[in-house]
Structures are given as C-alpha cells and as structure tokens.
C-alpha cells in the first residue's frame, strides 16, 4: 500500500519521501513502482514524460527523521498491529512540528487509540486507501475523538487535489468499505460452502450483475430504485429461510412504515424529483451500455 500511495501522491505533483526499515525492502518497492508506472503508461493513463517526472518526485530512505523533514502530511501504511502503529506515531509526534498532519491507513483500529500515543491528538486522522491506491479513487477519512475539523479538512482537500473521492466515516472497525466487502465476501463463501454453485459461477454472478451496476449506482440507490417495500419483503423471506443475517435492518422497516419507498414515492434513502429520477436512470443505463460494449468480443 505504501508504494501505491507514493505513486498517487507523486502523480498529484507532490514530492514524496518513502521510508521503510531496510534498503532491500525499499529496493523491492522501487522495482514495483517502476513496473506500476510502466503499466500506467501502457494503458494511457499517463504519458512517458509524466511518468518520468512523477518517478523523479519519489525518494527513498531508511531514516524516519529524514523522510518527514519538511513534510506537511505524513501517512503510515505499516503492518496492522496496534502496538507498532502507536510506537510509530509516538516517534512521528517527536519528529514532526505540530502543524503536520499525521495520517493512518488503517481500517481496523480506531484513530482515537492510535492518537493516544501523540501529544497533539487533534492532528491525527485516518486516511484509508483502496488498493491499488494510484488507480482506486476512494479514500475513507476517519476522525478520532479529538481530531480537529481543520485536520479532517486538510486531509480531504489533499485528496481532492490528487483527484480522489474522499468520504467521511465515523470511527468503527472496518469503516464503510471493509464492512460492505465483508458482507458480500462472506455470503459468497457460504454459497460455495453449501454447494449451491461453483466458485467460477459465483464470481461471474457478481461481475456480470451487481458488480457492473454498483460501478454507477450504489446499494442504497439500488434499494430506492427497486422499492424499499419489495426488498423488505424479500429479505424477510430470506430471513425465515436462511437465518438472522438476512433480517431487514430497523431503518429499512422504519422507512417502509412511513411510506418512504424510494423512487416510486419520491423519497427513500434519497429525495427525488421527476428530473433527478430521469437523470439517475439515464446515468445508469449509459454507464452499463458502455461497459457491456467494452466487454463484448470484437467481431
């Protein structure tokens, strides 16, 4: 993750100091970075000149003190062990002036706990990137109990400058993406475990249906489009047949009781007008048409 974050920042025009514990690790990371830039050029996402310029903005060192000197934002992407993270943040706290933002890539641990190792806790923030960071737009921003609005805003603006899509999530293990990911992945394994379908057909089902659709219409928009009452009835039946994990959440049932059924009542998880409904459907269909066309073999 660290090398991917370095690429994303360098492509955004920033000077990047990448630090690790040994020269051997850094050499392997540099080889991977070179290969990743080659792929970016091959796929037309950056020019050869742009790749060379970005690559020149990345330096490596085994010295944390040298790496953070003059930096305005420092982010870690080390092993997911809380003791190691707290030790690192304690070191960063001593090395970095108080106006430097200290960010963690964690999706497992609470930022409040990591910040407990820092004297000025207001400058610690979560910035959870998705792999590969130089391609994936999403970064989840998490505030700890004492993270300041100014720190969160700096993190958000930094990510916007990189062309990323930052979202804000309250402290919780797994944040937004990992929890959604876990729910789908676990159910996929259960389906395979029950012998209902092959691994290949399970993956094809996701890639050729919800995986395509979620590229433009998220799960809450999907619920609104299909009708919250329809999904409520469906999930109640699944719950009775397959267990509590399918029981509709209280918020879904509350909206159904209020008659907030989505697009057909102009209100669900979102508010709708005739114009916004038309725009949503057009956006969905144009996106899917383009993707399906790209997937068809050339004749």
C-alpha atoms as a PDB file:
ATOM      1  CA  UNK A   1       0.000   0.000   0.000  1.00  0.00           C
ATOM      2  CA  UNK A   2       2.794   2.409   0.856  1.00  0.00           C
ATOM      3  CA  UNK A   3       4.362   2.295  -2.583  1.00  0.00           C
ATOM      4  CA  UNK A   4       0.931   2.718  -4.210  1.00  0.00           C
ATOM      5  CA  UNK A   5       0.176   5.753  -2.050  1.00  0.00           C
ATOM      6  CA  UNK A   6       3.570   7.172  -3.003  1.00  0.00           C
ATOM      7  CA  UNK A   7       2.676   6.819  -6.699  1.00  0.00           C
ATOM      8  CA  UNK A   8      -0.693   8.515  -6.197  1.00  0.00           C
ATOM      9  CA  UNK A   9       0.910  11.462  -4.401  1.00  0.00           C
ATOM     10  CA  UNK A  10       3.718  11.801  -6.948  1.00  0.00           C
ATOM     11  CA  UNK A  11       1.209  11.759  -9.806  1.00  0.00           C
ATOM     12  CA  UNK A  12      -0.577  14.582  -7.986  1.00  0.00           C
ATOM     13  CA  UNK A  13       2.571  16.705  -8.178  1.00  0.00           C
ATOM     14  CA  UNK A  14       3.825  16.214  -4.627  1.00  0.00           C
ATOM     15  CA  UNK A  15       7.376  15.455  -3.548  1.00  0.00           C
ATOM     16  CA  UNK A  16       7.255  12.114  -1.736  1.00  0.00           C
ATOM     17  CA  UNK A  17       9.677  10.596   0.773  1.00  0.00           C
ATOM     18  CA  UNK A  18       9.081   6.860   1.124  1.00  0.00           C
ATOM     19  CA  UNK A  19      10.567   5.266   4.242  1.00  0.00           C
ATOM     20  CA  UNK A  20      10.962   1.647   5.323  1.00  0.00           C
ATOM     21  CA  UNK A  21      13.173  -0.367   7.635  1.00  0.00           C
ATOM     22  CA  UNK A  22      15.741  -1.723   5.157  1.00  0.00           C
ATOM     23  CA  UNK A  23      17.287  -0.801   1.830  1.00  0.00           C
ATOM     24  CA  UNK A  24      16.276  -4.214   0.480  1.00  0.00           C
ATOM     25  CA  UNK A  25      12.593  -3.555   1.154  1.00  0.00           C
ATOM     26  CA  UNK A  26      12.866  -0.129  -0.457  1.00  0.00           C
ATOM     27  CA  UNK A  27      14.624  -1.624  -3.492  1.00  0.00           C
ATOM     28  CA  UNK A  28      11.767  -4.085  -3.998  1.00  0.00           C
ATOM     29  CA  UNK A  29       9.267  -1.262  -3.580  1.00  0.00           C
ATOM     30  CA  UNK A  30      11.122   0.842  -6.150  1.00  0.00           C
ATOM     31  CA  UNK A  31      11.068  -2.065  -8.615  1.00  0.00           C
ATOM     32  CA  UNK A  32       7.320  -2.396  -8.081  1.00  0.00           C
ATOM     33  CA  UNK A  33       6.845   1.354  -8.570  1.00  0.00           C
ATOM     34  CA  UNK A  34       8.740   1.243 -11.865  1.00  0.00           C
ATOM     35  CA  UNK A  35       6.576  -1.654 -13.034  1.00  0.00           C
ATOM     36  CA  UNK A  36       3.401   0.169 -11.992  1.00  0.00           C
ATOM     37  CA  UNK A  37       4.411   3.294 -13.910  1.00  0.00           C
ATOM     38  CA  UNK A  38       5.091   1.135 -16.951  1.00  0.00           C
ATOM     39  CA  UNK A  39       1.548  -0.212 -16.669  1.00  0.00           C
ATOM     40  CA  UNK A  40       0.095   3.274 -16.318  1.00  0.00           C
ATOM     41  CA  UNK A  41       1.890   4.409 -19.479  1.00  0.00           C
ATOM     42  CA  UNK A  42       0.863   1.260 -21.376  1.00  0.00           C
ATOM     43  CA  UNK A  43      -2.785   1.850 -20.504  1.00  0.00           C
ATOM     44  CA  UNK A  44      -2.669   5.504 -21.500  1.00  0.00           C
ATOM     45  CA  UNK A  45      -3.274   6.882 -18.003  1.00  0.00           C
ATOM     46  CA  UNK A  46      -0.070   8.902 -18.000  1.00  0.00           C
ATOM     47  CA  UNK A  47       2.488   9.875 -20.633  1.00  0.00           C
ATOM     48  CA  UNK A  48       6.065   8.606 -20.568  1.00  0.00           C
ATOM     49  CA  UNK A  49       7.206  12.112 -19.696  1.00  0.00           C
ATOM     50  CA  UNK A  50       4.604  12.381 -16.953  1.00  0.00           C
ATOM     51  CA  UNK A  51       5.689   9.042 -15.516  1.00  0.00           C
ATOM     52  CA  UNK A  52       9.353  10.089 -15.508  1.00  0.00           C
ATOM     53  CA  UNK A  53       8.500  13.367 -13.789  1.00  0.00           C
ATOM     54  CA  UNK A  54       6.377  11.644 -11.139  1.00  0.00           C
ATOM     55  CA  UNK A  55       9.002   8.965 -10.560  1.00  0.00           C
ATOM     56  CA  UNK A  56      11.623  11.658 -10.013  1.00  0.00           C
ATOM     57  CA  UNK A  57       9.481  13.087  -7.205  1.00  0.00           C
ATOM     58  CA  UNK A  58       9.772   9.867  -5.156  1.00  0.00           C
ATOM     59  CA  UNK A  59      12.814   9.395  -2.927  1.00  0.00           C
ATOM     60  CA  UNK A  60      13.531   6.557  -0.517  1.00  0.00           C
ATOM     61  CA  UNK A  61      15.238   6.403   2.856  1.00  0.00           C
ATOM     62  CA  UNK A  62      15.528   4.192   5.919  1.00  0.00           C
ATOM     63  CA  UNK A  63      15.584   7.270   8.186  1.00  0.00           C
ATOM     64  CA  UNK A  64      12.204   8.402   9.515  1.00  0.00           C
ATOM     65  CA  UNK A  65      13.741  11.719  10.560  1.00  0.00           C
ATOM     66  CA  UNK A  66      14.993  12.377   7.032  1.00  0.00           C
ATOM     67  CA  UNK A  67      11.702  11.256   5.494  1.00  0.00           C
ATOM     68  CA  UNK A  68       9.471  13.605   7.488  1.00  0.00           C
ATOM     69  CA  UNK A  69      11.752  16.633   7.386  1.00  0.00           C
ATOM     70  CA  UNK A  70       9.863  19.478   5.707  1.00  0.00           C
ATOM     71  CA  UNK A  71       6.714  17.395   5.202  1.00  0.00           C
ATOM     72  CA  UNK A  72       3.214  18.806   5.659  1.00  0.00           C
ATOM     73  CA  UNK A  73       1.448  15.431   5.763  1.00  0.00           C
ATOM     74  CA  UNK A  74       2.784  12.057   6.882  1.00  0.00           C
ATOM     75  CA  UNK A  75       0.847   8.839   6.358  1.00  0.00           C
ATOM     76  CA  UNK A  76       1.704   5.347   7.558  1.00  0.00           C
ATOM     77  CA  UNK A  77       0.900   2.064   5.841  1.00  0.00           C
ATOM     78  CA  UNK A  78       2.742  -0.365   8.106  1.00  0.00           C
ATOM     79  CA  UNK A  79       1.626  -3.720   9.481  1.00  0.00           C
ATOM     80  CA  UNK A  80      -1.853  -3.879  11.078  1.00  0.00           C
ATOM     81  CA  UNK A  81      -0.562  -4.223  14.641  1.00  0.00           C
ATOM     82  CA  UNK A  82      -1.722  -1.561  17.047  1.00  0.00           C
ATOM     83  CA  UNK A  83       1.453  -1.616  19.158  1.00  0.00           C
ATOM     84  CA  UNK A  84       3.597  -0.979  16.081  1.00  0.00           C
ATOM     85  CA  UNK A  85       1.350   1.852  14.917  1.00  0.00           C
ATOM     86  CA  UNK A  86       1.342   3.551  18.312  1.00  0.00           C
ATOM     87  CA  UNK A  87       5.124   3.274  18.556  1.00  0.00           C
ATOM     88  CA  UNK A  88       5.493   4.837  15.106  1.00  0.00           C
ATOM     89  CA  UNK A  89       3.068   7.675  15.870  1.00  0.00           C
ATOM     90  CA  UNK A  90       4.901   8.384  19.114  1.00  0.00           C
ATOM     91  CA  UNK A  91       8.106   8.768  17.070  1.00  0.00           C
ATOM     92  CA  UNK A  92       6.350  10.927  14.467  1.00  0.00           C
ATOM     93  CA  UNK A  93       4.966  13.126  17.234  1.00  0.00           C
ATOM     94  CA  UNK A  94       8.504  13.931  18.353  1.00  0.00           C
ATOM     95  CA  UNK A  95       9.885  14.437  14.857  1.00  0.00           C
ATOM     96  CA  UNK A  96       7.107  16.476  13.196  1.00  0.00           C
ATOM     97  CA  UNK A  97       6.144  20.074  14.007  1.00  0.00           C
ATOM     98  CA  UNK A  98       2.626  20.461  15.426  1.00  0.00           C
ATOM     99  CA  UNK A  99       1.146  21.706  12.150  1.00  0.00           C
ATOM    100  CA  UNK A 100       1.997  18.478  10.318  1.00  0.00           C
ATOM    101  CA  UNK A 101      -0.982  16.160   9.719  1.00  0.00           C
ATOM    102  CA  UNK A 102      -0.357  12.580  10.862  1.00  0.00           C
ATOM    103  CA  UNK A 103      -2.491  10.049   8.988  1.00  0.00           C
ATOM    104  CA  UNK A 104      -3.033   6.312   9.311  1.00  0.00           C
ATOM    105  CA  UNK A 105      -4.090   3.960   6.521  1.00  0.00           C
ATOM    106  CA  UNK A 106      -5.766   1.601   8.996  1.00  0.00           C
ATOM    107  CA  UNK A 107      -9.282   0.232   8.542  1.00  0.00           C
ATOM    108  CA  UNK A 108      -9.018  -1.988  11.609  1.00  0.00           C
ATOM    109  CA  UNK A 109      -8.086   0.204  14.544  1.00  0.00           C
ATOM    110  CA  UNK A 110      -9.698   3.293  16.000  1.00  0.00           C
ATOM    111  CA  UNK A 111      -7.916   6.547  15.274  1.00  0.00           C
ATOM    112  CA  UNK A 112      -8.542   7.581  18.881  1.00  0.00           C
ATOM    113  CA  UNK A 113      -6.393   4.687  20.084  1.00  0.00           C
ATOM    114  CA  UNK A 114      -3.588   5.451  17.636  1.00  0.00           C
ATOM    115  CA  UNK A 115      -3.736   9.136  18.582  1.00  0.00           C
ATOM    116  CA  UNK A 116      -3.287   8.252  22.259  1.00  0.00           C
ATOM    117  CA  UNK A 117       0.441   7.973  21.515  1.00  0.00           C
ATOM    118  CA  UNK A 118       0.550  11.587  20.256  1.00  0.00           C
ATOM    119  CA  UNK A 119       0.674  14.755  22.350  1.00  0.00           C
ATOM    120  CA  UNK A 120      -1.385  16.878  19.922  1.00  0.00           C
ATOM    121  CA  UNK A 121      -4.179  14.418  19.149  1.00  0.00           C
ATOM    122  CA  UNK A 122      -6.122  16.903  17.039  1.00  0.00           C
ATOM    123  CA  UNK A 123      -3.691  16.420  14.137  1.00  0.00           C
ATOM    124  CA  UNK A 124      -4.188  12.637  13.791  1.00  0.00           C
ATOM    125  CA  UNK A 125      -6.626  11.414  11.136  1.00  0.00           C
ATOM    126  CA  UNK A 126      -7.493   8.200   9.325  1.00  0.00           C
ATOM    127  CA  UNK A 127      -6.960   8.044   5.557  1.00  0.00           C
ATOM    128  CA  UNK A 128      -7.839   4.529   4.392  1.00  0.00           C
ATOM    129  CA  UNK A 129      -6.831   3.979   0.772  1.00  0.00           C
ATOM    130  CA  UNK A 130      -8.035   1.184  -1.501  1.00  0.00           C
ATOM    131  CA  UNK A 131      -5.628  -0.992  -3.426  1.00  0.00           C
ATOM    132  CA  UNK A 132      -4.116  -0.077  -5.822  1.00  0.00           C
ATOM    133  CA  UNK A 133      -4.089   3.491  -4.457  1.00  0.00           C
ATOM    134  CA  UNK A 134      -2.906   5.090  -7.693  1.00  0.00           C
ATOM    135  CA  UNK A 135      -5.957   3.694  -9.528  1.00  0.00           C
ATOM    136  CA  UNK A 136      -8.742   3.403  -6.941  1.00  0.00           C
ATOM    137  CA  UNK A 137     -10.493   6.770  -6.382  1.00  0.00           C
ATOM    138  CA  UNK A 138     -11.916   6.099  -2.896  1.00  0.00           C
ATOM    139  CA  UNK A 139     -10.184   7.131   0.332  1.00  0.00           C
ATOM    140  CA  UNK A 140     -12.079   6.885   3.638  1.00  0.00           C
ATOM    141  CA  UNK A 141     -11.384   9.710   6.103  1.00  0.00           C
ATOM    142  CA  UNK A 142     -11.909   8.941   9.792  1.00  0.00           C
ATOM    143  CA  UNK A 143     -11.795  11.365  12.693  1.00  0.00           C
ATOM    144  CA  UNK A 144     -10.704  10.265  16.136  1.00  0.00           C
ATOM    145  CA  UNK A 145     -12.362  11.620  19.267  1.00  0.00           C
ATOM    146  CA  UNK A 146     -10.036  14.646  19.239  1.00  0.00           C
ATOM    147  CA  UNK A 147      -9.297  15.039  15.523  1.00  0.00           C
ATOM    148  CA  UNK A 148      -9.960  18.652  14.598  1.00  0.00           C
ATOM    149  CA  UNK A 149     -12.182  19.776  11.743  1.00  0.00           C
ATOM    150  CA  UNK A 150      -9.157  21.616  10.364  1.00  0.00           C
ATOM    151  CA  UNK A 151      -7.166  18.368  10.193  1.00  0.00           C
ATOM    152  CA  UNK A 152     -10.019  16.475   8.520  1.00  0.00           C
ATOM    153  CA  UNK A 153     -10.466  19.334   6.041  1.00  0.00           C
ATOM    154  CA  UNK A 154      -6.748  19.349   5.223  1.00  0.00           C
ATOM    155  CA  UNK A 155      -6.868  15.610   4.575  1.00  0.00           C
ATOM    156  CA  UNK A 156      -9.960  15.978   2.395  1.00  0.00           C
ATOM    157  CA  UNK A 157      -8.508  18.860   0.357  1.00  0.00           C
ATOM    158  CA  UNK A 158      -5.242  16.979  -0.113  1.00  0.00           C
ATOM    159  CA  UNK A 159      -7.149  14.001  -1.509  1.00  0.00           C
ATOM    160  CA  UNK A 160      -9.297  16.193  -3.746  1.00  0.00           C
ATOM    161  CA  UNK A 161      -6.101  17.751  -5.116  1.00  0.00           C
ATOM    162  CA  UNK A 162      -4.983  14.216  -6.020  1.00  0.00           C
ATOM    163  CA  UNK A 163      -8.255  13.631  -7.879  1.00  0.00           C
ATOM    164  CA  UNK A 164      -9.503  11.145  -5.288  1.00  0.00           C
ATOM    165  CA  UNK A 165     -13.046  10.646  -3.965  1.00  0.00           C
ATOM    166  CA  UNK A 166     -12.822  11.142  -0.177  1.00  0.00           C
ATOM    167  CA  UNK A 167     -15.690  10.058   2.085  1.00  0.00           C
ATOM    168  CA  UNK A 168     -16.101  10.666   5.810  1.00  0.00           C
ATOM    169  CA  UNK A 169     -16.830   7.814   8.202  1.00  0.00           C
ATOM    170  CA  UNK A 170     -17.196   7.804  11.972  1.00  0.00           C
ATOM    171  CA  UNK A 171     -14.822   5.594  13.936  1.00  0.00           C
ATOM    172  CA  UNK A 172     -15.736   1.946  13.574  1.00  0.00           C
ATOM    173  CA  UNK A 173     -13.756  -1.219  12.814  1.00  0.00           C
ATOM    174  CA  UNK A 174     -13.975  -1.847   9.079  1.00  0.00           C
ATOM    175  CA  UNK A 175     -15.214   1.645   8.250  1.00  0.00           C
ATOM    176  CA  UNK A 176     -17.611   1.672   5.272  1.00  0.00           C
ATOM    177  CA  UNK A 177     -15.900  -0.304   2.548  1.00  0.00           C
ATOM    178  CA  UNK A 178     -14.480  -3.212   4.517  1.00  0.00           C
ATOM    179  CA  UNK A 179     -17.830  -3.894   6.192  1.00  0.00           C
ATOM    180  CA  UNK A 180     -19.652  -3.884   2.849  1.00  0.00           C
ATOM    181  CA  UNK A 181     -16.917  -6.022   1.340  1.00  0.00           C
ATOM    182  CA  UNK A 182     -17.046  -8.474   4.234  1.00  0.00           C
ATOM    183  CA  UNK A 183     -20.816  -8.953   3.956  1.00  0.00           C
ATOM    184  CA  UNK A 184     -20.615  -9.860   0.260  1.00  0.00           C
ATOM    185  CA  UNK A 185     -17.456 -11.961   0.557  1.00  0.00           C
ATOM    186  CA  UNK A 186     -18.751 -13.991   3.490  1.00  0.00           C
ATOM    187  CA  UNK A 187     -22.024 -14.725   1.701  1.00  0.00           C
ATOM    188  CA  UNK A 188     -20.109 -15.801  -1.407  1.00  0.00           C
ATOM    189  CA  UNK A 189     -18.151 -18.304   0.686  1.00  0.00           C
ATOM    190  CA  UNK A 190     -21.369 -19.547   2.328  1.00  0.00           C
ATOM    191  CA  UNK A 191     -22.958 -20.146  -1.088  1.00  0.00           C
ATOM    192  CA  UNK A 192     -19.882 -22.139  -2.161  1.00  0.00           C
ATOM    193  CA  UNK A 193     -19.820 -23.994   1.166  1.00  0.00           C
ATOM    194  CA  UNK A 194     -23.457 -25.019   0.705  1.00  0.00           C
ATOM    195  CA  UNK A 195     -22.646 -26.405  -2.721  1.00  0.00           C
ATOM    196  CA  UNK A 196     -25.170 -24.166  -4.486  1.00  0.00           C
ATOM    197  CA  UNK A 197     -22.789 -23.071  -7.246  1.00  0.00           C
ATOM    198  CA  UNK A 198     -19.163 -23.258  -8.334  1.00  0.00           C
ATOM    199  CA  UNK A 199     -16.614 -20.614  -7.405  1.00  0.00           C
ATOM    200  CA  UNK A 200     -16.465 -19.561 -11.051  1.00  0.00           C
ATOM    201  CA  UNK A 201     -20.233 -19.104 -11.309  1.00  0.00           C
ATOM    202  CA  UNK A 202     -20.414 -17.183  -8.025  1.00  0.00           C
ATOM    203  CA  UNK A 203     -17.737 -14.772  -9.218  1.00  0.00           C
ATOM    204  CA  UNK A 204     -19.356 -14.468 -12.638  1.00  0.00           C
ATOM    205  CA  UNK A 205     -22.675 -13.625 -10.954  1.00  0.00           C
ATOM    206  CA  UNK A 206     -21.071 -10.709  -9.118  1.00  0.00           C
ATOM    207  CA  UNK A 207     -19.012  -9.482 -12.069  1.00  0.00           C
ATOM    208  CA  UNK A 208     -21.874  -9.639 -14.542  1.00  0.00           C
ATOM    209  CA  UNK A 209     -24.666  -8.210 -12.366  1.00  0.00           C
ATOM    210  CA  UNK A 210     -24.264  -6.271  -9.153  1.00  0.00           C
ATOM    211  CA  UNK A 211     -20.564  -5.657  -9.777  1.00  0.00           C
ATOM    212  CA  UNK A 212     -21.403  -3.897 -13.033  1.00  0.00           C
ATOM    213  CA  UNK A 213     -24.329  -1.957 -11.588  1.00  0.00           C
ATOM    214  CA  UNK A 214     -22.520  -0.840  -8.455  1.00  0.00           C
ATOM    215  CA  UNK A 215     -19.980   0.902 -10.668  1.00  0.00           C
ATOM    216  CA  UNK A 216     -22.523   3.696 -11.129  1.00  0.00           C
ATOM    217  CA  UNK A 217     -25.480   3.061  -8.774  1.00  0.00           C
ATOM    218  CA  UNK A 218     -24.673   2.298  -5.123  1.00  0.00           C
ATOM    219  CA  UNK A 219     -26.557  -0.147  -2.878  1.00  0.00           C
ATOM    220  CA  UNK A 220     -28.812   2.484  -1.299  1.00  0.00           C
ATOM    221  CA  UNK A 221     -29.716   3.926  -4.699  1.00  0.00           C
ATOM    222  CA  UNK A 222     -30.411   0.353  -5.850  1.00  0.00           C
ATOM    223  CA  UNK A 223     -32.821  -0.133  -2.952  1.00  0.00           C
ATOM    224  CA  UNK A 224     -34.584   3.116  -3.841  1.00  0.00           C
ATOM    225  CA  UNK A 225     -34.887   2.109  -7.497  1.00  0.00           C
ATOM    226  CA  UNK A 226     -36.292  -1.321  -6.729  1.00  0.00           C
ATOM    227  CA  UNK A 227     -38.623  -0.195  -3.956  1.00  0.00           C
ATOM    228  CA  UNK A 228     -37.832  -0.479  -0.253  1.00  0.00           C
ATOM    229  CA  UNK A 229     -41.036  -2.430   0.360  1.00  0.00           C
ATOM    230  CA  UNK A 230     -40.028  -5.020  -2.238  1.00  0.00           C
ATOM    231  CA  UNK A 231     -36.619  -5.532  -0.657  1.00  0.00           C
ATOM    232  CA  UNK A 232     -38.153  -5.612   2.831  1.00  0.00           C
ATOM    233  CA  UNK A 233     -40.490  -8.445   1.796  1.00  0.00           C
ATOM    234  CA  UNK A 234     -37.676 -10.285   0.037  1.00  0.00           C
ATOM    235  CA  UNK A 235     -35.308 -10.075   2.985  1.00  0.00           C
ATOM    236  CA  UNK A 236     -37.993 -11.135   5.445  1.00  0.00           C
ATOM    237  CA  UNK A 237     -38.493 -14.282   3.379  1.00  0.00           C
ATOM    238  CA  UNK A 238     -34.750 -14.903   3.174  1.00  0.00           C
ATOM    239  CA  UNK A 239     -34.549 -14.429   6.929  1.00  0.00           C
ATOM    240  CA  UNK A 240     -37.219 -17.057   7.518  1.00  0.00           C
ATOM    241  CA  UNK A 241     -35.452 -19.487   5.182  1.00  0.00           C
ATOM    242  CA  UNK A 242     -31.758 -18.754   5.710  1.00  0.00           C
ATOM    243  CA  UNK A 243     -31.345 -17.069   9.084  1.00  0.00           C
ATOM    244  CA  UNK A 244     -30.987 -13.843  11.004  1.00  0.00           C
ATOM    245  CA  UNK A 245     -28.221 -12.399   8.855  1.00  0.00           C
ATOM    246  CA  UNK A 246     -30.893 -11.543   6.274  1.00  0.00           C
ATOM    247  CA  UNK A 247     -33.279  -9.795   8.684  1.00  0.00           C
ATOM    248  CA  UNK A 248     -34.062  -6.307   7.312  1.00  0.00           C
ATOM    249  CA  UNK A 249     -32.415  -3.532   9.361  1.00  0.00           C
ATOM    250  CA  UNK A 250     -34.648  -1.398  11.559  1.00  0.00           C
ATOM    251  CA  UNK A 251     -34.067   1.689   9.390  1.00  0.00           C
ATOM    252  CA  UNK A 252     -35.340  -0.123   6.293  1.00  0.00           C
ATOM    253  CA  UNK A 253     -38.515  -1.223   8.065  1.00  0.00           C
ATOM    254  CA  UNK A 254     -38.976   2.270   9.504  1.00  0.00           C
ATOM    255  CA  UNK A 255     -38.880   3.835   6.047  1.00  0.00           C
ATOM    256  CA  UNK A 256     -41.322   1.266   4.688  1.00  0.00           C
ATOM    257  CA  UNK A 257     -43.720   2.013   7.576  1.00  0.00           C
ATOM    258  CA  UNK A 258     -43.509   5.719   6.736  1.00  0.00           C
ATOM    259  CA  UNK A 259     -44.252   5.059   3.081  1.00  0.00           C
ATOM    260  CA  UNK A 260     -40.783   6.209   2.036  1.00  0.00           C
ATOM    261  CA  UNK A 261     -40.358   3.515  -0.579  1.00  0.00           C
ATOM    262  CA  UNK A 262     -37.790   5.105  -2.860  1.00  0.00           C
ATOM    263  CA  UNK A 263     -38.198   6.386  -6.410  1.00  0.00           C
ATOM    264  CA  UNK A 264     -41.879   5.469  -6.647  1.00  0.00           C
ATOM    265  CA  UNK A 265     -42.786   7.710  -3.682  1.00  0.00           C
ATOM    266  CA  UNK A 266     -40.098  10.340  -4.463  1.00  0.00           C
ATOM    267  CA  UNK A 267     -38.412   9.601  -1.129  1.00  0.00           C
ATOM    268  CA  UNK A 268     -36.376   6.738   0.262  1.00  0.00           C
ATOM    269  CA  UNK A 269     -32.745   6.975   1.268  1.00  0.00           C
ATOM    270  CA  UNK A 270     -32.611   9.942  -1.114  1.00  0.00           C
ATOM    271  CA  UNK A 271     -35.078  12.650  -2.149  1.00  0.00           C
ATOM    272  CA  UNK A 272     -36.246  12.556  -5.771  1.00  0.00           C
ATOM    273  CA  UNK A 273     -37.841  14.770  -8.370  1.00  0.00           C
ATOM    274  CA  UNK A 274     -39.004  13.626 -11.812  1.00  0.00           C
ATOM    275  CA  UNK A 275     -35.864  15.237 -13.234  1.00  0.00           C
ATOM    276  CA  UNK A 276     -33.490  13.542 -10.782  1.00  0.00           C
ATOM    277  CA  UNK A 277     -35.114  10.153 -11.423  1.00  0.00           C
ATOM    278  CA  UNK A 278     -34.677  10.574 -15.167  1.00  0.00           C
ATOM    279  CA  UNK A 279     -31.063  11.652 -14.646  1.00  0.00           C
ATOM    280  CA  UNK A 280     -30.313   8.659 -12.406  1.00  0.00           C
ATOM    281  CA  UNK A 281     -31.796   6.158 -14.862  1.00  0.00           C
ATOM    282  CA  UNK A 282     -30.006   7.762 -17.808  1.00  0.00           C
ATOM    283  CA  UNK A 283     -26.694   7.772 -15.938  1.00  0.00           C
ATOM    284  CA  UNK A 284     -27.132   4.107 -15.005  1.00  0.00           C
ATOM    285  CA  UNK A 285     -28.146   2.931 -18.469  1.00  0.00           C
ATOM    286  CA  UNK A 286     -25.443   4.877 -20.314  1.00  0.00           C
ATOM    287  CA  UNK A 287     -22.774   3.551 -17.971  1.00  0.00           C
ATOM    288  CA  UNK A 288     -23.968  -0.047 -18.336  1.00  0.00           C
ATOM    289  CA  UNK A 289     -24.269   0.265 -22.113  1.00  0.00           C
ATOM    290  CA  UNK A 290     -20.666   1.457 -22.325  1.00  0.00           C
ATOM    291  CA  UNK A 291     -19.384  -1.298 -20.047  1.00  0.00           C
ATOM    292  CA  UNK A 292     -21.307  -4.028 -21.877  1.00  0.00           C
ATOM    293  CA  UNK A 293     -19.990  -2.761 -25.219  1.00  0.00           C
ATOM    294  CA  UNK A 294     -16.416  -2.861 -23.862  1.00  0.00           C
ATOM    295  CA  UNK A 295     -16.920  -6.450 -22.680  1.00  0.00           C
ATOM    296  CA  UNK A 296     -18.218  -7.788 -25.987  1.00  0.00           C
ATOM    297  CA  UNK A 297     -15.642  -9.559 -28.157  1.00  0.00           C
ATOM    298  CA  UNK A 298     -14.608  -7.698 -31.290  1.00  0.00           C
ATOM    299  CA  UNK A 299     -16.053  -9.159 -34.488  1.00  0.00           C
END
